[in-house]
Amino acid sequence: MNTLHSYLIYYLLVINAATFIIYGIDKYKAKKAKWRISEATLLTMAAVGGSIGAWLGMKAWHHKTLHRKFKYGVPIILLIQIALMIYFHLNH
């Protein structure tokens, strides 16, 4: 495995862990009626590689599961990212 692949794996681990934690923090803040993390930030975290963490966060904390842009958007982002990973793996 070359260095670029190693960096990509580390990046994906970190961004997904961070996204999972951020979804948990936002759920906690929602329950406590405190300042919230914006939906744009939550979706951006999924889009920049944290879609697995977002999906797991939605499932673990039952957070944003009724919002259409999350209910459908996060799985679509995840599928696109999986397709891109397969494409790049097969073509490089």
C-alpha atoms as a PDB file:
ATOM      1  CA  MET A   1       0.000   0.000   0.000  1.00  0.00           C
ATOM      2  CA  ASN A   2       1.477   3.340  -0.955  1.00  0.00           C
ATOM      3  CA  THR A   3       1.642   6.445   1.196  1.00  0.00           C
ATOM      4  CA  LEU A   4      -1.368   8.113  -0.451  1.00  0.00           C
ATOM      5  CA  HIS A   5      -3.574   5.133   0.385  1.00  0.00           C
ATOM      6  CA  SER A   6      -2.322   5.178   3.971  1.00  0.00           C
ATOM      7  CA  TYR A   7      -3.126   8.878   4.329  1.00  0.00           C
ATOM      8  CA  LEU A   8      -6.557   8.336   2.813  1.00  0.00           C
ATOM      9  CA  ILE A   9      -7.339   5.528   5.264  1.00  0.00           C
ATOM     10  CA  TYR A  10      -6.217   7.648   8.229  1.00  0.00           C
ATOM     11  CA  TYR A  11      -8.242  10.601   6.931  1.00  0.00           C
ATOM     12  CA  LEU A  12     -11.383   8.484   6.555  1.00  0.00           C
ATOM     13  CA  LEU A  13     -10.974   7.014  10.041  1.00  0.00           C
ATOM     14  CA  VAL A  14     -10.559  10.466  11.601  1.00  0.00           C
ATOM     15  CA  ILE A  15     -13.336  12.211   9.627  1.00  0.00           C
ATOM     16  CA  ASN A  16     -15.821   9.403  10.327  1.00  0.00           C
ATOM     17  CA  ALA A  17     -14.991   9.304  14.048  1.00  0.00           C
ATOM     18  CA  ALA A  18     -15.304  13.104  14.224  1.00  0.00           C
ATOM     19  CA  THR A  19     -18.609  13.066  12.328  1.00  0.00           C
ATOM     20  CA  PHE A  20     -20.018  10.339  14.572  1.00  0.00           C
ATOM     21  CA  ILE A  21     -19.057  12.356  17.662  1.00  0.00           C
ATOM     22  CA  ILE A  22     -20.467  15.608  16.228  1.00  0.00           C
ATOM     23  CA  TYR A  23     -23.827  13.934  15.545  1.00  0.00           C
ATOM     24  CA  GLY A  24     -23.835  12.726  19.160  1.00  0.00           C
ATOM     25  CA  ILE A  25     -22.984  16.188  20.461  1.00  0.00           C
ATOM     26  CA  ASP A  26     -25.775  17.731  18.401  1.00  0.00           C
ATOM     27  CA  LYS A  27     -28.284  15.179  19.711  1.00  0.00           C
ATOM     28  CA  TYR A  28     -27.185  15.932  23.275  1.00  0.00           C
ATOM     29  CA  LYS A  29     -27.576  19.659  22.658  1.00  0.00           C
ATOM     30  CA  ALA A  30     -31.016  19.090  21.123  1.00  0.00           C
ATOM     31  CA  LYS A  31     -32.170  17.277  24.268  1.00  0.00           C
ATOM     32  CA  LYS A  32     -30.814  20.048  26.496  1.00  0.00           C
ATOM     33  CA  ALA A  33     -32.245  22.880  24.340  1.00  0.00           C
ATOM     34  CA  LYS A  34     -28.762  24.341  23.834  1.00  0.00           C
ATOM     35  CA  TRP A  35     -27.010  25.924  20.865  1.00  0.00           C
ATOM     36  CA  ARG A  36     -27.013  23.448  17.967  1.00  0.00           C
ATOM     37  CA  ILE A  37     -24.627  22.433  15.230  1.00  0.00           C
ATOM     38  CA  SER A  38     -26.037  23.579  11.888  1.00  0.00           C
ATOM     39  CA  GLU A  39     -27.548  21.079   9.475  1.00  0.00           C
ATOM     40  CA  ALA A  40     -25.181  22.415   6.816  1.00  0.00           C
ATOM     41  CA  THR A  41     -22.204  21.479   8.998  1.00  0.00           C
ATOM     42  CA  LEU A  42     -23.594  18.011   9.694  1.00  0.00           C
ATOM     43  CA  LEU A  43     -24.190  17.348   5.993  1.00  0.00           C
ATOM     44  CA  THR A  44     -20.824  18.820   5.013  1.00  0.00           C
ATOM     45  CA  MET A  45     -19.076  16.457   7.418  1.00  0.00           C
ATOM     46  CA  ALA A  46     -20.806  13.564   5.655  1.00  0.00           C
ATOM     47  CA  ALA A  47     -19.924  14.930   2.213  1.00  0.00           C
ATOM     48  CA  VAL A  48     -16.202  15.342   2.922  1.00  0.00           C
ATOM     49  CA  GLY A  49     -15.820  11.669   3.781  1.00  0.00           C
ATOM     50  CA  GLY A  50     -17.711  11.206   7.026  1.00  0.00           C
ATOM     51  CA  SER A  51     -20.798   9.555   5.600  1.00  0.00           C
ATOM     52  CA  ILE A  52     -20.287   6.308   7.528  1.00  0.00           C
ATOM     53  CA  GLY A  53     -19.902   8.254  10.776  1.00  0.00           C
ATOM     54  CA  ALA A  54     -22.990  10.315   9.930  1.00  0.00           C
ATOM     55  CA  TRP A  55     -25.064   7.238   9.154  1.00  0.00           C
ATOM     56  CA  LEU A  56     -23.884   5.457  12.318  1.00  0.00           C
ATOM     57  CA  GLY A  57     -24.532   8.605  14.371  1.00  0.00           C
ATOM     58  CA  MET A  58     -28.056   8.853  12.997  1.00  0.00           C
ATOM     59  CA  LYS A  59     -28.677   5.212  13.912  1.00  0.00           C
ATOM     60  CA  ALA A  60     -26.950   5.215  17.310  1.00  0.00           C
ATOM     61  CA  TRP A  61     -28.626   8.369  18.625  1.00  0.00           C
ATOM     62  CA  HIS A  62     -31.809   8.323  16.504  1.00  0.00           C
ATOM     63  CA  HIS A  63     -30.791  11.774  15.348  1.00  0.00           C
ATOM     64  CA  LYS A  64     -32.084  13.513  12.209  1.00  0.00           C
ATOM     65  CA  THR A  65     -33.769  10.296  11.093  1.00  0.00           C
ATOM     66  CA  LEU A  66     -37.035  12.041  10.194  1.00  0.00           C
ATOM     67  CA  HIS A  67     -35.427  14.894   8.250  1.00  0.00           C
ATOM     68  CA  ARG A  68     -35.657  14.031   4.544  1.00  0.00           C
ATOM     69  CA  LYS A  69     -32.326  15.596   3.623  1.00  0.00           C
ATOM     70  CA  PHE A  70     -30.636  13.384   6.212  1.00  0.00           C
ATOM     71  CA  LYS A  71     -32.824  10.289   5.822  1.00  0.00           C
ATOM     72  CA  TYR A  72     -32.114  10.165   2.085  1.00  0.00           C
ATOM     73  CA  GLY A  73     -29.123  12.474   1.691  1.00  0.00           C
ATOM     74  CA  VAL A  74     -26.659  10.677   3.966  1.00  0.00           C
ATOM     75  CA  PRO A  75     -27.261   7.229   2.406  1.00  0.00           C
ATOM     76  CA  ILE A  76     -26.945   8.750  -1.092  1.00  0.00           C
ATOM     77  CA  ILE A  77     -23.662  10.432  -0.123  1.00  0.00           C
ATOM     78  CA  LEU A  78     -22.458   7.121   1.336  1.00  0.00           C
ATOM     79  CA  LEU A  79     -23.330   5.209  -1.847  1.00  0.00           C
ATOM     80  CA  ILE A  80     -21.582   7.801  -4.010  1.00  0.00           C
ATOM     81  CA  GLN A  81     -18.474   7.608  -1.817  1.00  0.00           C
ATOM     82  CA  ILE A  82     -18.461   3.798  -1.949  1.00  0.00           C
ATOM     83  CA  ALA A  83     -18.840   3.911  -5.750  1.00  0.00           C
ATOM     84  CA  LEU A  84     -15.934   6.371  -5.995  1.00  0.00           C
ATOM     85  CA  MET A  85     -13.734   4.192  -3.781  1.00  0.00           C
ATOM     86  CA  ILE A  86     -14.492   1.136  -5.926  1.00  0.00           C
ATOM     87  CA  TYR A  87     -13.850   3.088  -9.114  1.00  0.00           C
ATOM     88  CA  PHE A  88     -10.491   4.437  -7.917  1.00  0.00           C
ATOM     89  CA  HIS A  89      -9.469   1.066  -6.503  1.00  0.00           C
ATOM     90  CA  LEU A  90     -10.170  -0.698  -9.788  1.00  0.00           C
ATOM     91  CA  ASN A  91      -8.550   1.979 -11.960  1.00  0.00           C
ATOM     92  CA  HIS A  92      -5.355   2.689 -10.039  1.00  0.00           C
END
